[in-house]
All heavy atoms as atom14 arrays in JSON, in Angstrom:
{
  "sequence": "KEYRGKPFTNRQHLMERLCKKAGVREFGFHAIRHLTASLLYR",
  "atom14_mask": [
    [1, 1, 1, 1, 1, 1, 1, 1, 1, 0, 0, 0, 0, 0],
    [1, 1, 1, 1, 1, 1, 1, 1, 1, 0, 0, 0, 0, 0],
    [1, 1, 1, 1, 1, 1, 1, 1, 1, 1, 1, 1, 0, 0],
    [1, 1, 1, 1, 1, 1, 1, 1, 1, 1, 1, 0, 0, 0],
    [1, 1, 1, 1, 0, 0, 0, 0, 0, 0, 0, 0, 0, 0],
    [1, 1, 1, 1, 1, 1, 1, 1, 1, 0, 0, 0, 0, 0],
    [1, 1, 1, 1, 1, 1, 1, 0, 0, 0, 0, 0, 0, 0],
    [1, 1, 1, 1, 1, 1, 1, 1, 1, 1, 1, 0, 0, 0],
    [1, 1, 1, 1, 1, 1, 1, 0, 0, 0, 0, 0, 0, 0],
    [1, 1, 1, 1, 1, 1, 1, 1, 0, 0, 0, 0, 0, 0],
    [1, 1, 1, 1, 1, 1, 1, 1, 1, 1, 1, 0, 0, 0],
    [1, 1, 1, 1, 1, 1, 1, 1, 1, 0, 0, 0, 0, 0],
    [1, 1, 1, 1, 1, 1, 1, 1, 1, 1, 0, 0, 0, 0],
    [1, 1, 1, 1, 1, 1, 1, 1, 0, 0, 0, 0, 0, 0],
    [1, 1, 1, 1, 1, 1, 1, 1, 0, 0, 0, 0, 0, 0],
    [1, 1, 1, 1, 1, 1, 1, 1, 1, 0, 0, 0, 0, 0],
    [1, 1, 1, 1, 1, 1, 1, 1, 1, 1, 1, 0, 0, 0],
    [1, 1, 1, 1, 1, 1, 1, 1, 0, 0, 0, 0, 0, 0],
    [1, 1, 1, 1, 1, 1, 0, 0, 0, 0, 0, 0, 0, 0],
    [1, 1, 1, 1, 1, 1, 1, 1, 1, 0, 0, 0, 0, 0],
    [1, 1, 1, 1, 1, 1, 1, 1, 1, 0, 0, 0, 0, 0],
    [1, 1, 1, 1, 1, 0, 0, 0, 0, 0, 0, 0, 0, 0],
    [1, 1, 1, 1, 0, 0, 0, 0, 0, 0, 0, 0, 0, 0],
    [1, 1, 1, 1, 1, 1, 1, 0, 0, 0, 0, 0, 0, 0],
    [1, 1, 1, 1, 1, 1, 1, 1, 1, 1, 1, 0, 0, 0],
    [1, 1, 1, 1, 1, 1, 1, 1, 1, 0, 0, 0, 0, 0],
    [1, 1, 1, 1, 1, 1, 1, 1, 1, 1, 1, 0, 0, 0],
    [1, 1, 1, 1, 0, 0, 0, 0, 0, 0, 0, 0, 0, 0],
    [1, 1, 1, 1, 1, 1, 1, 1, 1, 1, 1, 0, 0, 0],
    [1, 1, 1, 1, 1, 1, 1, 1, 1, 1, 0, 0, 0, 0],
    [1, 1, 1, 1, 1, 0, 0, 0, 0, 0, 0, 0, 0, 0],
    [1, 1, 1, 1, 1, 1, 1, 1, 0, 0, 0, 0, 0, 0],
    [1, 1, 1, 1, 1, 1, 1, 1, 1, 1, 1, 0, 0, 0],
    [1, 1, 1, 1, 1, 1, 1, 1, 1, 1, 0, 0, 0, 0],
    [1, 1, 1, 1, 1, 1, 1, 1, 0, 0, 0, 0, 0, 0],
    [1, 1, 1, 1, 1, 1, 1, 0, 0, 0, 0, 0, 0, 0],
    [1, 1, 1, 1, 1, 0, 0, 0, 0, 0, 0, 0, 0, 0],
    [1, 1, 1, 1, 1, 1, 0, 0, 0, 0, 0, 0, 0, 0],
    [1, 1, 1, 1, 1, 1, 1, 1, 0, 0, 0, 0, 0, 0],
    [1, 1, 1, 1, 1, 1, 1, 1, 0, 0, 0, 0, 0, 0],
    [1, 1, 1, 1, 1, 1, 1, 1, 1, 1, 1, 1, 0, 0],
    [1, 1, 1, 1, 1, 1, 1, 1, 1, 1, 1, 0, 0, 0]
  ],
  "atom14_positions": [
    [[63.27, -9.61, -15.84], [64.51, -10.25, -16.33], [65.74, -9.37, -16.16], [66.81, -9.87, -15.83], [64.35, -10.66, -17.8], [64.03, -12.12, -17.95], [64.11, -12.55, -19.39], [63.95, -14.08, -19.45], [63.92, -14.56, -20.82], [0.0, 0.0, 0.0], [0.0, 0.0, 0.0], [0.0, 0.0, 0.0], [0.0, 0.0, 0.0], [0.0, 0.0, 0.0]],
    [[65.6, -8.09, -16.37], [66.78, -7.22, -16.27], [67.3, -7.11, -14.83], [68.44, -6.71, -14.61], [66.48, -5.82, -16.83], [65.43, -5.04, -16.06], [65.22, -3.66, -16.64], [66.16, -2.84, -16.58], [64.09, -3.41, -17.15], [0.0, 0.0, 0.0], [0.0, 0.0, 0.0], [0.0, 0.0, 0.0], [0.0, 0.0, 0.0], [0.0, 0.0, 0.0]],
    [[66.45, -7.49, -13.84], [66.86, -7.43, -12.44], [67.29, -8.79, -11.9], [67.71, -8.89, -10.75], [65.71, -6.89, -11.58], [65.23, -5.53, -12.02], [64.01, -5.38, -12.68], [66.01, -4.39, -11.8], [63.58, -4.12, -13.1], [65.59, -3.15, -12.21], [64.37, -3.02, -12.86], [63.95, -1.78, -13.28], [0.0, 0.0, 0.0], [0.0, 0.0, 0.0]],
    [[67.2, -9.83, -12.71], [67.53, -11.18, -12.24], [68.98, -11.22, -11.76], [69.9, -10.76, -12.42], [67.31, -12.18, -13.37], [67.52, -13.62, -12.93], [67.04, -14.59, -14.0], [67.56, -15.94, -13.78], [67.08, -16.8, -12.89], [66.05, -16.45, -12.15], [67.61, -17.99, -12.75], [0.0, 0.0, 0.0], [0.0, 0.0, 0.0], [0.0, 0.0, 0.0]],
    [[69.18, -11.77, -10.56], [70.51, -11.87, -9.98], [70.96, -10.65, -9.21], [72.02, -10.65, -8.59], [0.0, 0.0, 0.0], [0.0, 0.0, 0.0], [0.0, 0.0, 0.0], [0.0, 0.0, 0.0], [0.0, 0.0, 0.0], [0.0, 0.0, 0.0], [0.0, 0.0, 0.0], [0.0, 0.0, 0.0], [0.0, 0.0, 0.0], [0.0, 0.0, 0.0]],
    [[70.14, -9.59, -9.22], [70.49, -8.37, -8.51], [69.79, -8.33, -7.15], [68.72, -8.92, -6.99], [70.11, -7.14, -9.33], [70.91, -7.03, -10.62], [70.52, -5.82, -11.42], [71.33, -5.75, -12.72], [70.9, -4.62, -13.57], [0.0, 0.0, 0.0], [0.0, 0.0, 0.0], [0.0, 0.0, 0.0], [0.0, 0.0, 0.0], [0.0, 0.0, 0.0]],
    [[70.37, -7.63, -6.16], [69.72, -7.55, -4.84], [68.4, -6.79, -4.92], [68.21, -5.95, -5.8], [70.75, -6.82, -3.98], [71.57, -6.03, -4.95], [71.62, -6.84, -6.21], [0.0, 0.0, 0.0], [0.0, 0.0, 0.0], [0.0, 0.0, 0.0], [0.0, 0.0, 0.0], [0.0, 0.0, 0.0], [0.0, 0.0, 0.0], [0.0, 0.0, 0.0]],
    [[67.52, -7.08, -3.99], [66.24, -6.4, -3.94], [66.41, -4.97, -3.44], [67.27, -4.69, -2.62], [65.28, -7.13, -2.99], [64.92, -8.51, -3.44], [65.45, -9.62, -2.81], [64.04, -8.7, -4.5], [65.13, -10.9, -3.22], [63.7, -9.98, -4.92], [64.24, -11.08, -4.28], [0.0, 0.0, 0.0], [0.0, 0.0, 0.0], [0.0, 0.0, 0.0]],
    [[65.57, -4.1, -3.94], [65.46, -2.76, -3.37], [64.13, -2.65, -2.62], [64.0, -1.91, -1.66], [65.55, -1.66, -4.45], [64.58, -1.95, -5.47], [66.94, -1.64, -5.07], [0.0, 0.0, 0.0], [0.0, 0.0, 0.0], [0.0, 0.0, 0.0], [0.0, 0.0, 0.0], [0.0, 0.0, 0.0], [0.0, 0.0, 0.0], [0.0, 0.0, 0.0]],
    [[63.15, -3.4, -3.07], [61.89, -3.55, -2.34], [61.21, -4.81, -2.84], [61.56, -5.34, -3.89], [60.97, -2.33, -2.53], [60.58, -2.12, -3.98], [60.03, -3.01, -4.63], [60.86, -0.94, -4.5], [0.0, 0.0, 0.0], [0.0, 0.0, 0.0], [0.0, 0.0, 0.0], [0.0, 0.0, 0.0], [0.0, 0.0, 0.0], [0.0, 0.0, 0.0]],
    [[60.29, -5.29, -2.05], [59.48, -6.44, -2.46], [58.05, -6.07, -2.13], [57.48, -6.52, -1.14], [59.93, -7.71, -1.75], [61.38, -8.03, -2.06], [61.72, -9.46, -1.82], [61.01, -10.33, -2.75], [60.98, -11.66, -2.63], [61.61, -12.25, -1.64], [60.32, -12.39, -3.5], [0.0, 0.0, 0.0], [0.0, 0.0, 0.0], [0.0, 0.0, 0.0]],
    [[57.53, -5.24, -2.98], [56.31, -4.51, -2.71], [55.12, -5.37, -2.26], [54.45, -5.03, -1.3], [55.93, -3.72, -3.96], [55.05, -2.55, -3.67], [54.92, -1.63, -4.86], [55.51, -1.87, -5.91], [54.14, -0.59, -4.74], [0.0, 0.0, 0.0], [0.0, 0.0, 0.0], [0.0, 0.0, 0.0], [0.0, 0.0, 0.0], [0.0, 0.0, 0.0]],
    [[54.87, -6.47, -2.93], [53.65, -7.22, -2.65], [53.9, -8.58, -2.01], [52.97, -9.36, -1.85], [52.84, -7.4, -3.94], [52.48, -6.1, -4.6], [51.6, -5.21, -4.03], [52.91, -5.53, -5.75], [51.48, -4.14, -4.82], [52.27, -4.31, -5.86], [0.0, 0.0, 0.0], [0.0, 0.0, 0.0], [0.0, 0.0, 0.0], [0.0, 0.0, 0.0]],
    [[55.14, -8.87, -1.64], [55.46, -10.2, -1.11], [54.65, -10.53, 0.14], [53.98, -11.56, 0.21], [56.95, -10.33, -0.8], [57.35, -11.65, -0.12], [57.16, -12.82, -1.08], [58.78, -11.6, 0.38], [0.0, 0.0, 0.0], [0.0, 0.0, 0.0], [0.0, 0.0, 0.0], [0.0, 0.0, 0.0], [0.0, 0.0, 0.0], [0.0, 0.0, 0.0]],
    [[54.7, -9.67, 1.16], [54.02, -9.97, 2.42], [52.5, -9.98, 2.24], [51.81, -10.82, 2.82], [54.44, -8.98, 3.5], [55.9, -9.1, 3.91], [56.38, -10.78, 4.41], [55.38, -11.01, 5.87], [0.0, 0.0, 0.0], [0.0, 0.0, 0.0], [0.0, 0.0, 0.0], [0.0, 0.0, 0.0], [0.0, 0.0, 0.0], [0.0, 0.0, 0.0]],
    [[52.0, -9.09, 1.42], [50.56, -9.07, 1.13], [50.12, -10.41, 0.53], [49.13, -11.01, 0.95], [50.25, -7.92, 0.17], [48.8, -7.82, -0.24], [48.56, -6.76, -1.31], [49.51, -6.02, -1.67], [47.42, -6.68, -1.8], [0.0, 0.0, 0.0], [0.0, 0.0, 0.0], [0.0, 0.0, 0.0], [0.0, 0.0, 0.0], [0.0, 0.0, 0.0]],
    [[50.89, -10.88, -0.43], [50.57, -12.14, -1.11], [50.68, -13.33, -0.16], [49.8, -14.2, -0.12], [51.52, -12.32, -2.31], [51.3, -13.56, -3.13], [52.11, -13.55, -4.41], [53.51, -13.17, -4.23], [54.45, -14.01, -3.82], [54.16, -15.25, -3.51], [55.7, -13.6, -3.7], [0.0, 0.0, 0.0], [0.0, 0.0, 0.0], [0.0, 0.0, 0.0]],
    [[51.76, -13.37, 0.64], [51.96, -14.49, 1.56], [50.9, -14.52, 2.67], [50.42, -15.59, 3.05], [53.36, -14.44, 2.16], [54.51, -14.79, 1.22], [55.86, -14.6, 1.92], [54.39, -16.21, 0.69], [0.0, 0.0, 0.0], [0.0, 0.0, 0.0], [0.0, 0.0, 0.0], [0.0, 0.0, 0.0], [0.0, 0.0, 0.0], [0.0, 0.0, 0.0]],
    [[50.55, -13.35, 3.19], [49.52, -13.28, 4.24], [48.18, -13.76, 3.7], [47.44, -14.49, 4.37], [49.4, -11.87, 4.79], [50.8, -11.37, 5.83], [0.0, 0.0, 0.0], [0.0, 0.0, 0.0], [0.0, 0.0, 0.0], [0.0, 0.0, 0.0], [0.0, 0.0, 0.0], [0.0, 0.0, 0.0], [0.0, 0.0, 0.0], [0.0, 0.0, 0.0]],
    [[47.87, -13.35, 2.47], [46.61, -13.78, 1.85], [46.61, -15.28, 1.66], [45.63, -15.97, 1.95], [46.44, -13.05, 0.51], [45.09, -13.27, -0.12], [44.91, -12.41, -1.36], [43.53, -12.6, -1.96], [43.33, -11.79, -3.18], [0.0, 0.0, 0.0], [0.0, 0.0, 0.0], [0.0, 0.0, 0.0], [0.0, 0.0, 0.0], [0.0, 0.0, 0.0]],
    [[47.71, -15.82, 1.18], [47.83, -17.26, 0.96], [47.71, -18.03, 2.28], [47.12, -19.12, 2.33], [49.19, -17.57, 0.29], [49.38, -19.01, -0.11], [50.7, -19.19, -0.83], [50.95, -20.65, -1.18], [52.27, -20.83, -1.82], [0.0, 0.0, 0.0], [0.0, 0.0, 0.0], [0.0, 0.0, 0.0], [0.0, 0.0, 0.0], [0.0, 0.0, 0.0]],
    [[48.27, -17.48, 3.36], [48.23, -18.13, 4.66], [46.9, -17.93, 5.38], [46.62, -18.59, 6.38], [49.37, -17.61, 5.53], [0.0, 0.0, 0.0], [0.0, 0.0, 0.0], [0.0, 0.0, 0.0], [0.0, 0.0, 0.0], [0.0, 0.0, 0.0], [0.0, 0.0, 0.0], [0.0, 0.0, 0.0], [0.0, 0.0, 0.0], [0.0, 0.0, 0.0]],
    [[46.09, -17.0, 4.88], [44.79, -16.72, 5.5], [44.9, -15.98, 6.81], [44.1, -16.19, 7.72], [0.0, 0.0, 0.0], [0.0, 0.0, 0.0], [0.0, 0.0, 0.0], [0.0, 0.0, 0.0], [0.0, 0.0, 0.0], [0.0, 0.0, 0.0], [0.0, 0.0, 0.0], [0.0, 0.0, 0.0], [0.0, 0.0, 0.0], [0.0, 0.0, 0.0]],
    [[45.91, -15.08, 6.93], [46.08, -14.3, 8.15], [45.99, -12.81, 7.84], [46.1, -12.41, 6.68], [47.43, -14.61, 8.84], [47.54, -16.09, 9.18], [48.61, -14.16, 7.98], [0.0, 0.0, 0.0], [0.0, 0.0, 0.0], [0.0, 0.0, 0.0], [0.0, 0.0, 0.0], [0.0, 0.0, 0.0], [0.0, 0.0, 0.0], [0.0, 0.0, 0.0]],
    [[45.8, -12.03, 8.88], [45.75, -10.58, 8.71], [47.1, -10.08, 8.21], [48.15, -10.51, 8.69], [45.41, -9.94, 10.05], [45.18, -8.46, 9.98], [44.75, -7.93, 11.33], [44.59, -6.5, 11.29], [44.27, -5.78, 12.34], [44.06, -6.35, 13.51], [44.15, -4.47, 12.23], [0.0, 0.0, 0.0], [0.0, 0.0, 0.0], [0.0, 0.0, 0.0]],
    [[47.07, -9.15, 7.27], [48.31, -8.7, 6.63], [49.24, -7.98, 7.62], [48.78, -7.18, 8.44], [47.97, -7.76, 5.47], [49.18, -7.36, 4.65], [48.82, -6.45, 3.48], [47.66, -6.47, 3.03], [49.72, -5.71, 3.03], [0.0, 0.0, 0.0], [0.0, 0.0, 0.0], [0.0, 0.0, 0.0], [0.0, 0.0, 0.0], [0.0, 0.0, 0.0]],
    [[50.52, -8.28, 7.52], [51.55, -7.56, 8.27], [52.77, -7.42, 7.37], [52.9, -8.12, 6.38], [51.91, -8.27, 9.59], [52.46, -9.67, 9.43], [53.81, -9.9, 9.3], [51.6, -10.77, 9.41], [54.32, -11.19, 9.16], [52.08, -12.06, 9.28], [53.45, -12.27, 9.16], [0.0, 0.0, 0.0], [0.0, 0.0, 0.0], [0.0, 0.0, 0.0]],
    [[53.64, -6.49, 7.72], [54.79, -6.2, 6.88], [56.1, -6.66, 7.48], [56.14, -7.27, 8.56], [0.0, 0.0, 0.0], [0.0, 0.0, 0.0], [0.0, 0.0, 0.0], [0.0, 0.0, 0.0], [0.0, 0.0, 0.0], [0.0, 0.0, 0.0], [0.0, 0.0, 0.0], [0.0, 0.0, 0.0], [0.0, 0.0, 0.0], [0.0, 0.0, 0.0]],
    [[57.19, -6.35, 6.79], [58.52, -6.77, 7.23], [58.85, -6.23, 8.62], [59.39, -6.95, 9.46], [59.59, -6.28, 6.24], [59.56, -6.98, 4.91], [59.25, -6.29, 3.75], [59.85, -8.33, 4.81], [59.24, -6.93, 2.52], [59.84, -8.99, 3.59], [59.54, -8.29, 2.44], [0.0, 0.0, 0.0], [0.0, 0.0, 0.0], [0.0, 0.0, 0.0]],
    [[58.55, -4.95, 8.87], [58.97, -4.35, 10.14], [58.22, -4.97, 11.32], [58.74, -5.0, 12.43], [58.76, -2.83, 10.12], [59.57, -2.13, 11.18], [60.94, -2.0, 11.11], [59.19, -1.55, 12.35], [61.38, -1.36, 12.18], [60.34, -1.08, 12.95], [0.0, 0.0, 0.0], [0.0, 0.0, 0.0], [0.0, 0.0, 0.0], [0.0, 0.0, 0.0]],
    [[57.02, -5.47, 11.07], [56.25, -6.11, 12.13], [56.96, -7.36, 12.64], [56.79, -7.75, 13.8], [54.85, -6.45, 11.63], [0.0, 0.0, 0.0], [0.0, 0.0, 0.0], [0.0, 0.0, 0.0], [0.0, 0.0, 0.0], [0.0, 0.0, 0.0], [0.0, 0.0, 0.0], [0.0, 0.0, 0.0], [0.0, 0.0, 0.0], [0.0, 0.0, 0.0]],
    [[57.78, -7.98, 11.8], [58.52, -9.18, 12.22], [59.58, -8.79, 13.26], [59.82, -9.51, 14.23], [59.15, -9.9, 11.01], [58.05, -10.33, 10.03], [60.0, -11.09, 11.45], [58.56, -10.87, 8.7], [0.0, 0.0, 0.0], [0.0, 0.0, 0.0], [0.0, 0.0, 0.0], [0.0, 0.0, 0.0], [0.0, 0.0, 0.0], [0.0, 0.0, 0.0]],
    [[60.19, -7.63, 13.08], [61.14, -7.11, 14.07], [60.43, -6.88, 15.41], [60.96, -7.21, 16.47], [61.75, -5.81, 13.52], [62.75, -5.1, 14.41], [63.37, -3.96, 13.61], [63.98, -2.96, 14.45], [65.22, -3.05, 14.96], [65.96, -4.11, 14.71], [65.71, -2.08, 15.7], [0.0, 0.0, 0.0], [0.0, 0.0, 0.0], [0.0, 0.0, 0.0]],
    [[59.23, -6.32, 15.35], [58.43, -6.13, 16.56], [58.13, -7.47, 17.22], [58.15, -7.58, 18.45], [57.1, -5.43, 16.21], [57.24, -3.99, 15.85], [56.24, -3.08, 16.04], [58.27, -3.3, 15.29], [56.64, -1.89, 15.64], [57.87, -2.0, 15.16], [0.0, 0.0, 0.0], [0.0, 0.0, 0.0], [0.0, 0.0, 0.0], [0.0, 0.0, 0.0]],
    [[57.83, -8.47, 16.4], [57.53, -9.8, 16.94], [58.72, -10.37, 17.7], [58.56, -10.94, 18.78], [57.12, -10.75, 15.8], [56.86, -12.21, 16.19], [55.74, -12.31, 17.23], [56.53, -13.04, 14.96], [0.0, 0.0, 0.0], [0.0, 0.0, 0.0], [0.0, 0.0, 0.0], [0.0, 0.0, 0.0], [0.0, 0.0, 0.0], [0.0, 0.0, 0.0]],
    [[59.93, -10.23, 17.15], [61.13, -10.72, 17.84], [61.25, -10.08, 19.21], [61.49, -10.76, 20.21], [62.39, -10.43, 17.0], [62.23, -10.98, 15.7], [63.63, -11.03, 17.65], [0.0, 0.0, 0.0], [0.0, 0.0, 0.0], [0.0, 0.0, 0.0], [0.0, 0.0, 0.0], [0.0, 0.0, 0.0], [0.0, 0.0, 0.0], [0.0, 0.0, 0.0]],
    [[61.07, -8.75, 19.28], [61.14, -8.04, 20.56], [60.07, -8.54, 21.52], [60.32, -8.73, 22.71], [61.0, -6.54, 20.33], [0.0, 0.0, 0.0], [0.0, 0.0, 0.0], [0.0, 0.0, 0.0], [0.0, 0.0, 0.0], [0.0, 0.0, 0.0], [0.0, 0.0, 0.0], [0.0, 0.0, 0.0], [0.0, 0.0, 0.0], [0.0, 0.0, 0.0]],
    [[58.87, -8.77, 20.99], [57.77, -9.25, 21.82], [58.06, -10.63, 22.39], [57.79, -10.9, 23.57], [56.49, -9.3, 20.98], [55.44, -9.88, 21.7], [0.0, 0.0, 0.0], [0.0, 0.0, 0.0], [0.0, 0.0, 0.0], [0.0, 0.0, 0.0], [0.0, 0.0, 0.0], [0.0, 0.0, 0.0], [0.0, 0.0, 0.0], [0.0, 0.0, 0.0]],
    [[58.64, -11.51, 21.6], [58.97, -12.86, 22.07], [60.01, -12.81, 23.18], [59.9, -13.52, 24.18], [59.46, -13.73, 20.9], [58.42, -14.03, 19.82], [59.06, -14.75, 18.64], [57.27, -14.85, 20.38], [0.0, 0.0, 0.0], [0.0, 0.0, 0.0], [0.0, 0.0, 0.0], [0.0, 0.0, 0.0], [0.0, 0.0, 0.0], [0.0, 0.0, 0.0]],
    [[61.02, -11.96, 23.02], [62.03, -11.79, 24.07], [61.39, -11.27, 25.35], [61.67, -11.76, 26.45], [63.12, -10.82, 23.6], [64.07, -11.33, 22.52], [64.88, -10.17, 21.94], [65.01, -12.39, 23.07], [0.0, 0.0, 0.0], [0.0, 0.0, 0.0], [0.0, 0.0, 0.0], [0.0, 0.0, 0.0], [0.0, 0.0, 0.0], [0.0, 0.0, 0.0]],
    [[60.53, -10.3, 25.19], [59.85, -9.67, 26.33], [59.01, -10.69, 27.08], [59.05, -10.78, 28.3], [58.98, -8.52, 25.81], [58.27, -7.72, 26.87], [58.92, -6.7, 27.56], [56.93, -7.98, 27.16], [58.26, -5.96, 28.52], [56.27, -7.24, 28.12], [56.93, -6.23, 28.8], [56.27, -5.5, 29.75], [0.0, 0.0, 0.0], [0.0, 0.0, 0.0]],
    [[58.24, -11.48, 26.34], [57.37, -12.49, 26.96], [58.15, -13.57, 27.69], [57.67, -14.14, 28.66], [56.46, -13.14, 25.91], [55.26, -12.28, 25.57], [54.3, -13.02, 24.71], [54.92, -13.48, 23.48], [54.25, -13.99, 22.46], [52.95, -14.13, 22.53], [54.86, -14.37, 21.37], [0.0, 0.0, 0.0], [0.0, 0.0, 0.0], [0.0, 0.0, 0.0]]
  ]
}
């Protein structure tokens, strides 16, 4: 509650939780940047 409305400094378990929910191998925020580069390359 004390952080409500404030910008994030980290979101420690977000990607872990979402990957588990989606049933995929876990990846983090920086891997998405790699994915963008990979899509351009391909």
